[in-house]
Protein backbone atom coordinates (compact mmCIF):
# COMPACT_ATOMS: atom_id res chain seq x y z
CA GLU A 1 117.63 99.40 98.13
CA HIS A 2 117.48 101.83 95.24
CA VAL A 3 120.82 102.86 93.77
CA GLU A 4 121.01 106.06 91.75
CA GLU A 5 124.31 106.76 89.98
CA GLY A 6 126.16 104.64 92.51
CA THR A 7 124.47 106.17 95.55
CA ARG A 8 122.27 104.08 97.83
CA LEU A 9 119.48 106.61 97.78
CA GLY A 10 117.38 105.13 100.58
CA ARG A 11 120.28 105.04 103.00
CA TRP A 12 121.36 108.52 102.04
CA LEU A 13 117.83 109.85 102.57
CA GLU A 14 117.54 108.09 105.93
CA TRP A 15 120.79 109.78 106.94
CA GLN A 16 119.32 113.17 105.96
CA ARG A 17 116.22 112.40 108.03
CA ARG A 18 118.39 111.46 110.98
CA ASN A 19 120.31 114.72 110.63
CA MET A 20 117.02 116.59 110.57
CA ARG A 21 115.82 114.84 113.75
CA ASP A 22 119.15 115.58 115.42
CA GLY A 23 119.13 119.21 114.29
CA THR A 24 122.43 118.81 112.46
CA ILE A 25 121.25 119.18 108.88
CA ASP A 26 122.40 122.24 107.00
CA PRO A 27 119.29 124.46 106.66
CA SER A 28 119.93 125.01 102.95
CA HIS A 29 120.03 121.23 102.44
CA ALA A 30 116.75 120.86 104.34
CA ASP A 31 115.18 123.58 102.20
CA ARG A 32 116.31 121.88 98.99
CA LEU A 33 115.01 118.49 100.11
CA GLU A 34 111.68 119.99 101.15
CA ALA A 35 111.41 121.69 97.75
CA LEU A 36 111.69 118.22 96.21
CA GLY A 37 108.84 117.01 98.42
CA VAL A 38 110.91 114.88 100.78
CA SER A 39 108.96 113.72 103.81
CA TRP A 40 110.76 113.98 107.11
CA ASP A 41 108.58 111.26 108.62
CA PRO A 42 107.28 108.85 105.95
CA PHE A 43 105.56 106.65 108.54
CA VAL A 44 103.36 109.55 109.65
CA ASP A 45 102.62 110.27 106.00
CA GLN A 46 101.75 106.62 105.39
CA TRP A 47 99.29 106.63 108.33
CA GLU A 48 97.67 109.82 107.00
CA ASP A 49 97.39 108.31 103.52
CA HIS A 50 95.69 105.20 104.89
CA PHE A 51 93.37 107.30 107.03
CA GLU A 52 92.38 109.27 103.92
CA LEU A 53 91.61 105.99 102.15
CA LEU A 54 89.40 105.03 105.09
CA ARG A 55 87.57 108.38 104.83
CA ARG A 56 86.99 107.74 101.12
CA PHE A 57 85.74 104.23 101.87
CA LYS A 58 83.29 105.59 104.45
CA ARG A 59 82.02 108.27 102.06
CA ARG A 60 81.47 105.67 99.36
CA GLU A 61 80.14 102.79 101.49
CA GLY A 62 78.51 104.69 104.37
CA HIS A 63 80.39 102.76 107.09
CA CYS A 64 83.87 101.84 108.32
CA SER A 65 83.36 98.08 108.53
CA VAL A 66 86.16 97.33 106.09
CA PRO A 67 86.43 93.60 105.35
CA PHE A 68 89.79 92.24 106.47
CA ASP A 69 90.97 91.32 102.96
CA HIS A 70 89.64 94.49 101.32
CA GLU A 71 92.09 96.46 99.22
CA GLU A 72 91.67 100.03 98.03
CA GLU A 73 93.20 101.36 94.88
CA SER A 74 95.23 104.42 95.71
CA SER A 75 96.92 107.23 93.89
CA LEU A 76 98.30 108.50 97.20
CA VAL A 77 102.05 108.42 97.34
CA ASP A 78 103.95 107.08 100.31
CA ALA A 79 106.55 105.13 98.39
CA ALA A 80 109.20 106.07 100.94
CA VAL A 81 107.88 103.25 103.11
CA GLY A 82 106.96 100.97 100.25
CA ALA A 83 103.19 100.80 100.64
CA VAL A 84 102.00 102.63 97.55
CA ASP A 85 103.73 103.41 94.30
CA GLY A 86 101.48 106.26 93.20
CA ASP A 87 100.27 104.38 90.12
CA GLY A 88 96.97 103.08 91.43
CA ALA A 89 98.59 100.46 93.65
CA LYS A 90 96.53 98.39 96.04
CA VAL A 91 96.56 99.21 99.75
CA LYS A 92 95.39 96.51 102.17
CA LEU A 93 92.99 98.82 103.96
CA GLY A 94 91.28 96.03 105.90
CA HIS A 95 94.62 94.81 107.26
CA TRP A 96 95.61 98.36 108.20
CA LEU A 97 92.34 99.01 110.03
CA ALA A 98 92.54 95.68 111.87
CA ASN A 99 96.04 96.62 112.97
CA GLN A 100 94.81 99.99 114.24
CA ARG A 101 92.09 98.22 116.23
CA GLN A 102 94.65 95.84 117.76
CA LEU A 103 96.88 98.75 118.74
CA ALA A 104 93.89 100.48 120.36
CA LYS A 105 93.01 97.29 122.29
CA ARG A 106 96.56 97.14 123.63
CA ASN A 107 96.46 100.86 124.48
CA THR A 108 99.43 101.45 122.19
CA LEU A 109 97.67 103.51 119.52
CA ASP A 110 98.44 107.22 119.71
CA ALA A 111 95.50 108.90 121.47
CA ASP A 112 95.04 111.47 118.68
CA ARG A 113 94.91 108.72 116.08
CA GLU A 114 92.45 106.74 118.17
CA ASP A 115 90.19 109.78 118.50
CA ARG A 116 90.32 110.36 114.76
CA LEU A 117 89.27 106.75 114.11
CA LYS A 118 86.22 106.96 116.41
CA TRP A 119 83.75 108.28 113.88
C-alpha cells in the first residue's frame, strides 16, 4: 500500500471510488479527481489496455494466436491495479488471453467483451 505524507493513498482512493459508485461523492471532489486522471473503474481500464495490446499484436503478427508465455512491452498505464507501471513494463498477454478464453468457455465473460474478441 502506497503511503503519501502519512495517507494510505490506495485505501483513500478506493473510498473515493466507493463514494462515486454510491453517489455520495461531492461533485467538486469528483471533478478534481477526474482532472487528475483518476479512473473510476481501474479493472475496466486494465481490460481495455490489454485488449489494445492484443490489437497491436494482431496488427504486427497478423493473428491472435498469442503464445501462453508471451509478454508484450507496454507504455499503457493501469497502475491502479498493478499490472503496468507505464515505463515499458511487461504484460503477460498470453496469460490474459487464455484467461479470457476460459471465461468465455464458462459463459462468464461479458458478452460485449466476448464479441470484441471474436475477430
